[in-house]
Protein backbone atom coordinates (compact mmCIF):
# COMPACT_ATOMS: atom_id res chain seq x y z
CA GLY A 1 70.08 -39.36 -68.35
CA LEU A 2 71.46 -42.28 -66.43
CA SER A 3 74.58 -40.30 -65.56
CA PHE A 4 72.48 -38.65 -62.81
CA SER A 5 71.30 -42.02 -61.44
CA VAL A 6 72.50 -43.48 -58.14
CA GLN A 7 71.79 -46.85 -56.56
CA GLU A 8 68.85 -47.14 -54.18
CA GLY A 9 70.00 -46.50 -50.63
CA ILE A 10 72.37 -43.71 -51.74
CA ALA A 11 71.26 -40.14 -51.00
CA ILE A 12 69.75 -38.34 -53.99
CA PRO A 13 72.40 -35.89 -55.25
CA PRO A 14 71.50 -32.19 -55.46
CA SER A 15 71.61 -32.24 -59.28
CA LEU A 16 69.01 -35.02 -59.43
CA ARG A 17 66.86 -33.32 -56.78
CA ASN A 18 66.81 -30.25 -59.03
CA ILE A 19 65.71 -32.39 -61.98
CA TYR A 20 62.92 -33.91 -59.86
CA LYS A 21 61.79 -30.41 -58.80
CA GLU A 22 61.60 -29.22 -62.41
CA ILE A 23 59.65 -32.31 -63.47
CA ALA A 24 57.23 -31.78 -60.58
CA LEU A 25 56.67 -28.17 -61.70
CA ASP A 26 55.92 -29.22 -65.28
CA PHE A 27 53.94 -32.39 -64.56
CA ASN A 28 51.92 -32.14 -61.35
CA SER A 29 50.51 -35.65 -61.68
CA VAL A 30 53.90 -37.42 -61.83
CA LEU A 31 54.92 -39.08 -58.57
CA MET A 32 58.58 -38.41 -57.87
CA PRO A 33 60.68 -41.34 -56.70
CA THR A 34 62.04 -41.38 -53.17
CA HIS A 35 65.35 -42.72 -54.51
CA GLY A 36 67.81 -41.72 -57.21
CA ASN A 37 67.77 -44.87 -59.33
CA LEU A 38 66.64 -43.89 -62.84
CA GLU A 39 66.92 -47.34 -64.46
CA THR A 40 63.13 -47.86 -64.52
CA TRP A 41 62.61 -44.55 -66.32
CA ALA A 42 65.32 -45.51 -68.81
CA LYS A 43 63.64 -48.88 -69.49
CA GLN A 44 60.35 -47.04 -70.10
CA GLY A 45 62.03 -44.74 -72.62
CA VAL A 46 61.70 -41.61 -70.50
CA LEU A 47 65.43 -40.86 -70.59
C-alpha cells in the first residue's frame, strides 16, 4: 500500500524495489515506474 510510497526524487527503497520486481514477474506488460510514488496507483484503485 501507500506505506511503501516515497516522494518523487527520493531513492526507491529496497522493499518497494522488491514489490516492483514481483509485479514485473507476474505482469510482463506493466511498465514499472522509475520513482517510488504510489499515489497514482492508489487513485486508480490498484492498492
